[in-house]
Amino acid sequence: MRAGPGLLSKGGAEGVVGVAVPGRGAVAVKIDDGAQRAVMPVLIAALAVLGLTEAEIDGLAAHAEPVVLGGGRPVGTVRALPNLFHRS
């Protein structure tokens, strides 16, 4: 919640998180397979759709592309697809 002004968040089990941003809207994220490593990249992409700038969510930037390890070595990253969300 320290990542943005007035941001309110609640995490849940199995890859669930909800975030509300006063005056901008709210987002609920559920990752189908329950994996936590995909939550933050998707949530950061959703917050951008609500109009939060990188400066406003600066504390989250480090979580935008978590590293995936294989045998203790980095083998890739998890990231949200470009244009994952769009406004109607």
N, C-alpha and C. Protein backbone atom coordinates (compact mmCIF):
# COMPACT_ATOMS: atom_id res chain seq x y z
N MET A 1 0.81 -1.19 0.00
CA MET A 1 0.00 0.00 0.00
C MET A 1 0.86 1.26 0.00
N ARG A 2 2.12 1.13 0.32
CA ARG A 2 3.02 2.28 0.30
C ARG A 2 3.41 2.69 -1.11
N ALA A 3 3.07 1.87 -2.10
CA ALA A 3 3.51 2.13 -3.47
C ALA A 3 2.80 3.29 -4.13
N GLY A 4 1.60 3.62 -3.70
CA GLY A 4 0.87 4.71 -4.35
C GLY A 4 0.07 5.51 -3.35
N PRO A 5 -0.20 6.77 -3.65
CA PRO A 5 -0.93 7.63 -2.72
C PRO A 5 -2.37 7.15 -2.52
N GLY A 6 -2.73 6.83 -1.28
CA GLY A 6 -4.09 6.40 -0.96
C GLY A 6 -4.43 4.99 -1.39
N LEU A 7 -3.47 4.27 -1.93
CA LEU A 7 -3.70 2.92 -2.44
C LEU A 7 -4.10 1.98 -1.30
N LEU A 8 -5.11 1.15 -1.53
CA LEU A 8 -5.57 0.17 -0.56
C LEU A 8 -5.52 -1.20 -1.22
N SER A 9 -4.89 -2.16 -0.58
CA SER A 9 -4.77 -3.49 -1.19
C SER A 9 -5.06 -4.59 -0.19
N LYS A 10 -5.49 -5.74 -0.73
CA LYS A 10 -5.73 -6.92 0.09
C LYS A 10 -5.34 -8.13 -0.73
N GLY A 11 -4.40 -8.89 -0.20
CA GLY A 11 -3.99 -10.11 -0.87
C GLY A 11 -4.79 -11.28 -0.36
N GLY A 12 -4.87 -12.31 -1.15
CA GLY A 12 -5.58 -13.51 -0.78
C GLY A 12 -4.79 -14.73 -1.18
N ALA A 13 -5.38 -15.87 -0.95
CA ALA A 13 -4.72 -17.12 -1.30
C ALA A 13 -4.88 -17.41 -2.79
N GLU A 14 -4.07 -18.31 -3.27
CA GLU A 14 -4.20 -18.83 -4.64
C GLU A 14 -4.13 -17.77 -5.73
N GLY A 15 -3.20 -16.82 -5.61
CA GLY A 15 -2.98 -15.85 -6.67
C GLY A 15 -4.05 -14.79 -6.78
N VAL A 16 -4.62 -14.35 -5.66
CA VAL A 16 -5.67 -13.33 -5.66
C VAL A 16 -5.17 -12.07 -4.96
N VAL A 17 -5.48 -10.91 -5.54
CA VAL A 17 -5.20 -9.62 -4.91
C VAL A 17 -6.22 -8.61 -5.42
N GLY A 18 -6.62 -7.70 -4.54
CA GLY A 18 -7.51 -6.61 -4.93
C GLY A 18 -6.85 -5.30 -4.54
N VAL A 19 -6.99 -4.28 -5.38
CA VAL A 19 -6.40 -2.98 -5.11
C VAL A 19 -7.41 -1.90 -5.50
N ALA A 20 -7.55 -0.90 -4.61
CA ALA A 20 -8.39 0.26 -4.90
C ALA A 20 -7.52 1.51 -4.86
N VAL A 21 -7.76 2.41 -5.79
CA VAL A 21 -7.03 3.67 -5.87
C VAL A 21 -8.07 4.79 -5.86
N PRO A 22 -8.10 5.59 -4.79
CA PRO A 22 -9.12 6.64 -4.68
C PRO A 22 -9.17 7.54 -5.92
N GLY A 23 -10.37 7.74 -6.43
CA GLY A 23 -10.58 8.61 -7.58
C GLY A 23 -10.21 8.01 -8.92
N ARG A 24 -9.71 6.78 -8.91
CA ARG A 24 -9.28 6.17 -10.18
C ARG A 24 -9.96 4.84 -10.47
N GLY A 25 -10.27 4.07 -9.43
CA GLY A 25 -10.93 2.79 -9.64
C GLY A 25 -10.34 1.68 -8.80
N ALA A 26 -10.73 0.47 -9.14
CA ALA A 26 -10.26 -0.70 -8.40
C ALA A 26 -9.97 -1.84 -9.37
N VAL A 27 -9.14 -2.75 -8.92
CA VAL A 27 -8.72 -3.90 -9.74
C VAL A 27 -8.73 -5.14 -8.87
N ALA A 28 -9.20 -6.23 -9.42
CA ALA A 28 -9.08 -7.53 -8.76
C ALA A 28 -8.33 -8.45 -9.73
N VAL A 29 -7.32 -9.14 -9.23
CA VAL A 29 -6.51 -10.04 -10.05
C VAL A 29 -6.62 -11.45 -9.49
N LYS A 30 -6.87 -12.42 -10.36
CA LYS A 30 -6.86 -13.84 -9.98
C LYS A 30 -6.03 -14.56 -11.03
N ILE A 31 -4.95 -15.17 -10.59
CA ILE A 31 -4.12 -15.96 -11.49
C ILE A 31 -4.66 -17.39 -11.44
N ASP A 32 -5.08 -17.92 -12.59
CA ASP A 32 -5.77 -19.21 -12.64
C ASP A 32 -5.05 -20.34 -11.95
N ASP A 33 -3.74 -20.44 -12.14
CA ASP A 33 -3.04 -21.58 -11.54
C ASP A 33 -2.64 -21.32 -10.09
N GLY A 34 -2.98 -20.13 -9.57
CA GLY A 34 -2.70 -19.82 -8.17
C GLY A 34 -1.27 -19.40 -7.89
N ALA A 35 -0.44 -19.35 -8.91
CA ALA A 35 0.97 -18.99 -8.71
C ALA A 35 1.09 -17.52 -8.33
N GLN A 36 1.83 -17.24 -7.29
CA GLN A 36 2.03 -15.87 -6.83
C GLN A 36 2.96 -15.07 -7.74
N ARG A 37 3.88 -15.74 -8.44
CA ARG A 37 4.89 -14.99 -9.19
C ARG A 37 4.29 -14.18 -10.34
N ALA A 38 3.10 -14.51 -10.80
CA ALA A 38 2.47 -13.76 -11.88
C ALA A 38 1.61 -12.60 -11.37
N VAL A 39 1.31 -12.57 -10.09
CA VAL A 39 0.40 -11.55 -9.56
C VAL A 39 0.94 -10.14 -9.77
N MET A 40 2.17 -9.88 -9.37
CA MET A 40 2.69 -8.51 -9.42
C MET A 40 2.82 -7.97 -10.85
N PRO A 41 3.34 -8.72 -11.82
CA PRO A 41 3.39 -8.16 -13.18
C PRO A 41 2.01 -7.79 -13.71
N VAL A 42 1.01 -8.64 -13.45
CA VAL A 42 -0.35 -8.36 -13.91
C VAL A 42 -0.93 -7.17 -13.16
N LEU A 43 -0.72 -7.12 -11.86
CA LEU A 43 -1.23 -6.01 -11.05
C LEU A 43 -0.61 -4.69 -11.48
N ILE A 44 0.67 -4.66 -11.72
CA ILE A 44 1.34 -3.42 -12.16
C ILE A 44 0.78 -2.96 -13.50
N ALA A 45 0.53 -3.89 -14.42
CA ALA A 45 -0.08 -3.53 -15.70
C ALA A 45 -1.49 -2.97 -15.50
N ALA A 46 -2.24 -3.55 -14.58
CA ALA A 46 -3.61 -3.08 -14.31
C ALA A 46 -3.59 -1.69 -13.67
N LEU A 47 -2.64 -1.44 -12.77
CA LEU A 47 -2.54 -0.12 -12.15
C LEU A 47 -2.20 0.95 -13.19
N ALA A 48 -1.42 0.59 -14.18
CA ALA A 48 -1.11 1.53 -15.26
C ALA A 48 -2.37 1.90 -16.03
N VAL A 49 -3.28 0.94 -16.22
CA VAL A 49 -4.54 1.22 -16.90
C VAL A 49 -5.39 2.19 -16.09
N LEU A 50 -5.29 2.11 -14.76
CA LEU A 50 -6.01 3.05 -13.89
C LEU A 50 -5.38 4.44 -13.91
N GLY A 51 -4.23 4.57 -14.57
CA GLY A 51 -3.60 5.86 -14.72
C GLY A 51 -2.48 6.15 -13.76
N LEU A 52 -2.06 5.16 -12.96
CA LEU A 52 -0.92 5.39 -12.09
C LEU A 52 0.35 5.41 -12.93
N THR A 53 1.19 6.37 -12.68
CA THR A 53 2.43 6.50 -13.43
C THR A 53 3.51 5.65 -12.78
N GLU A 54 4.59 5.43 -13.51
CA GLU A 54 5.72 4.68 -12.95
C GLU A 54 6.25 5.35 -11.70
N ALA A 55 6.24 6.67 -11.68
CA ALA A 55 6.72 7.41 -10.50
C ALA A 55 5.83 7.13 -9.29
N GLU A 56 4.52 7.01 -9.52
CA GLU A 56 3.60 6.76 -8.41
C GLU A 56 3.69 5.34 -7.88
N ILE A 57 4.07 4.41 -8.73
CA ILE A 57 4.19 3.02 -8.28
C ILE A 57 5.64 2.55 -8.31
N ASP A 58 6.54 3.50 -8.08
CA ASP A 58 7.97 3.24 -8.15
C ASP A 58 8.39 2.07 -7.26
N GLY A 59 7.79 1.93 -6.09
CA GLY A 59 8.15 0.84 -5.20
C GLY A 59 7.82 -0.53 -5.76
N LEU A 60 6.99 -0.58 -6.79
CA LEU A 60 6.59 -1.86 -7.37
C LEU A 60 7.42 -2.24 -8.60
N ALA A 61 8.15 -1.28 -9.16
CA ALA A 61 8.87 -1.52 -10.41
C ALA A 61 9.78 -2.74 -10.34
N ALA A 62 10.37 -2.97 -9.20
CA ALA A 62 11.28 -4.11 -9.06
C ALA A 62 10.55 -5.45 -9.18
N HIS A 63 9.21 -5.43 -9.07
CA HIS A 63 8.42 -6.66 -9.13
C HIS A 63 7.73 -6.85 -10.48
N ALA A 64 8.01 -5.97 -11.43
CA ALA A 64 7.33 -6.02 -12.73
C ALA A 64 7.73 -7.23 -13.56
N GLU A 65 8.94 -7.73 -13.39
CA GLU A 65 9.41 -8.89 -14.15
C GLU A 65 10.22 -9.82 -13.25
N PRO A 66 9.54 -10.60 -12.40
CA PRO A 66 10.28 -11.51 -11.52
C PRO A 66 11.08 -12.54 -12.31
N VAL A 67 12.24 -12.85 -11.81
CA VAL A 67 13.13 -13.82 -12.45
C VAL A 67 12.67 -15.23 -12.13
N VAL A 68 12.69 -16.10 -13.14
CA VAL A 68 12.37 -17.51 -12.96
C VAL A 68 13.69 -18.27 -12.91
N LEU A 69 13.85 -19.08 -11.88
CA LEU A 69 15.08 -19.85 -11.73
C LEU A 69 14.86 -21.29 -12.17
N GLY A 70 15.90 -21.86 -12.74
CA GLY A 70 15.93 -23.27 -13.11
C GLY A 70 17.27 -23.83 -12.67
N GLY A 71 17.26 -24.76 -11.73
CA GLY A 71 18.52 -25.28 -11.22
C GLY A 71 19.33 -24.22 -10.49
N GLY A 72 18.60 -23.24 -9.90
CA GLY A 72 19.29 -22.18 -9.17
C GLY A 72 19.84 -21.07 -10.04
N ARG A 73 19.62 -21.16 -11.35
CA ARG A 73 20.11 -20.13 -12.27
C ARG A 73 18.94 -19.45 -12.97
N PRO A 74 19.07 -18.16 -13.27
CA PRO A 74 18.00 -17.47 -14.00
C PRO A 74 17.80 -18.09 -15.38
N VAL A 75 16.55 -18.42 -15.71
CA VAL A 75 16.23 -18.99 -17.02
C VAL A 75 15.17 -18.19 -17.77
N GLY A 76 14.63 -17.15 -17.12
CA GLY A 76 13.62 -16.33 -17.78
C GLY A 76 13.00 -15.37 -16.80
N THR A 77 11.94 -14.71 -17.25
CA THR A 77 11.19 -13.78 -16.40
C THR A 77 9.70 -13.98 -16.63
N VAL A 78 8.91 -13.48 -15.70
CA VAL A 78 7.46 -13.45 -15.85
C VAL A 78 7.09 -12.00 -16.06
N ARG A 79 6.34 -11.70 -17.12
CA ARG A 79 5.92 -10.33 -17.36
C ARG A 79 4.53 -10.32 -17.98
N ALA A 80 3.84 -9.22 -17.78
CA ALA A 80 2.51 -9.04 -18.37
C ALA A 80 2.67 -8.78 -19.86
N LEU A 81 1.75 -9.31 -20.63
CA LEU A 81 1.77 -9.06 -22.07
C LEU A 81 1.50 -7.59 -22.35
N PRO A 82 2.13 -7.04 -23.37
CA PRO A 82 1.81 -5.66 -23.76
C PRO A 82 0.31 -5.58 -24.10
N ASN A 83 -0.31 -4.51 -23.71
CA ASN A 83 -1.74 -4.32 -23.98
C ASN A 83 -2.61 -5.41 -23.39
N LEU A 84 -2.19 -5.97 -22.26
CA LEU A 84 -2.99 -6.99 -21.58
C LEU A 84 -4.38 -6.45 -21.25
N PHE A 85 -4.42 -5.22 -20.82
CA PHE A 85 -5.68 -4.56 -20.47
C PHE A 85 -5.93 -3.42 -21.44
N HIS A 86 -7.17 -3.09 -21.63
CA HIS A 86 -7.52 -1.91 -22.40
C HIS A 86 -8.79 -1.31 -21.83
N ARG A 87 -8.94 -0.03 -22.02
CA ARG A 87 -10.15 0.66 -21.56
C ARG A 87 -11.13 0.74 -22.70
N SER A 88 -12.39 0.54 -22.36
CA SER A 88 -13.44 0.62 -23.37
C SER A 88 -13.86 2.05 -23.59
